[in-house]
Structure formats: C-alpha cells, structure tokens
Amino acid sequence: MNGLSTVFILVGLFLLGGVFSFWKQQMSKSLIAVLAIGSVLCLVAGIVRLEVWN
C-alpha cells in the first residue's frame, strides 16, 4: 500500500505549492485556508499510512 501513501504525499505537496502560489498572488484568505487544510490532511494521511503499513 505504499503507492497510495505516495499519492497522498504528492497531492499534499501539490496543494502546498498552490497555497504558496496563491499567497504570493494575494488571493482570498479563505481559499488559501482551505488549500492549506487540504494539503495538511493529505500529508498527514500519507505519513500515517506509511507508518501503519510498515
């Protein structure tokens, strides 16, 4: 199940890049907050899956 963990981590990093990009462009704070929460959840889910399955 390492493939799914990798996907979660990659999606989390992609969303984190979106947070940084939107922050640089001065986009709305609520959109940045939603993306930040989503990226943290994806990263945590990927790391937890790695810990559980290994």
Protein backbone atom coordinates (compact mmCIF):
# COMPACT_ATOMS: atom_id res chain seq x y z
CA MET A 1 0.00 0.00 0.00
CA ASN A 2 2.94 2.35 -0.38
CA GLY A 3 1.54 3.58 -3.72
CA LEU A 4 -1.49 5.17 -2.09
CA SER A 5 0.69 6.77 0.57
CA THR A 6 2.89 8.22 -2.15
CA VAL A 7 -0.16 9.61 -3.94
CA PHE A 8 -1.40 11.25 -0.73
CA ILE A 9 2.00 12.81 -0.10
CA LEU A 10 2.35 14.06 -3.68
CA VAL A 11 -1.15 15.57 -3.67
CA GLY A 12 -0.39 17.22 -0.33
CA LEU A 13 2.82 18.72 -1.70
CA PHE A 14 0.99 19.88 -4.85
CA LEU A 15 -1.65 21.62 -2.73
CA LEU A 16 1.06 23.14 -0.55
CA GLY A 17 2.62 24.61 -3.70
CA GLY A 18 -0.80 26.02 -4.57
CA VAL A 19 -1.02 27.63 -1.13
CA PHE A 20 2.35 29.30 -1.65
CA SER A 21 1.41 30.45 -5.16
CA PHE A 22 -1.95 31.87 -4.05
CA TRP A 23 -0.30 33.60 -1.09
CA LYS A 24 2.20 35.27 -3.43
CA GLN A 25 -0.67 36.42 -5.70
CA GLN A 26 -2.63 37.87 -2.75
CA MET A 27 -5.66 35.63 -3.37
CA SER A 28 -8.53 35.38 -0.88
CA LYS A 29 -7.61 34.19 2.60
CA SER A 30 -10.45 31.65 2.74
CA LEU A 31 -9.22 29.89 -0.41
CA ILE A 32 -5.69 29.80 0.98
CA ALA A 33 -7.00 28.38 4.27
CA VAL A 34 -8.98 25.63 2.53
CA LEU A 35 -5.98 24.64 0.42
CA ALA A 36 -3.71 24.67 3.46
CA ILE A 37 -6.07 22.43 5.41
CA GLY A 38 -6.38 20.07 2.45
CA SER A 39 -2.63 19.87 1.98
CA VAL A 40 -2.03 19.17 5.66
CA LEU A 41 -4.70 16.46 5.69
CA CYS A 42 -3.22 14.77 2.61
CA LEU A 43 0.30 14.90 4.01
CA VAL A 44 -0.79 13.54 7.38
CA ALA A 45 -2.85 10.77 5.75
CA GLY A 46 0.11 9.75 3.60
CA ILE A 47 2.52 9.71 6.53
CA VAL A 48 0.09 7.83 8.77
CA ARG A 49 -0.48 5.21 6.06
CA LEU A 50 3.28 4.77 5.74
CA GLU A 51 3.60 4.30 9.50
CA VAL A 52 0.65 1.89 9.73
CA TRP A 53 1.59 -0.37 6.81
CA ASN A 54 5.34 -0.57 7.51
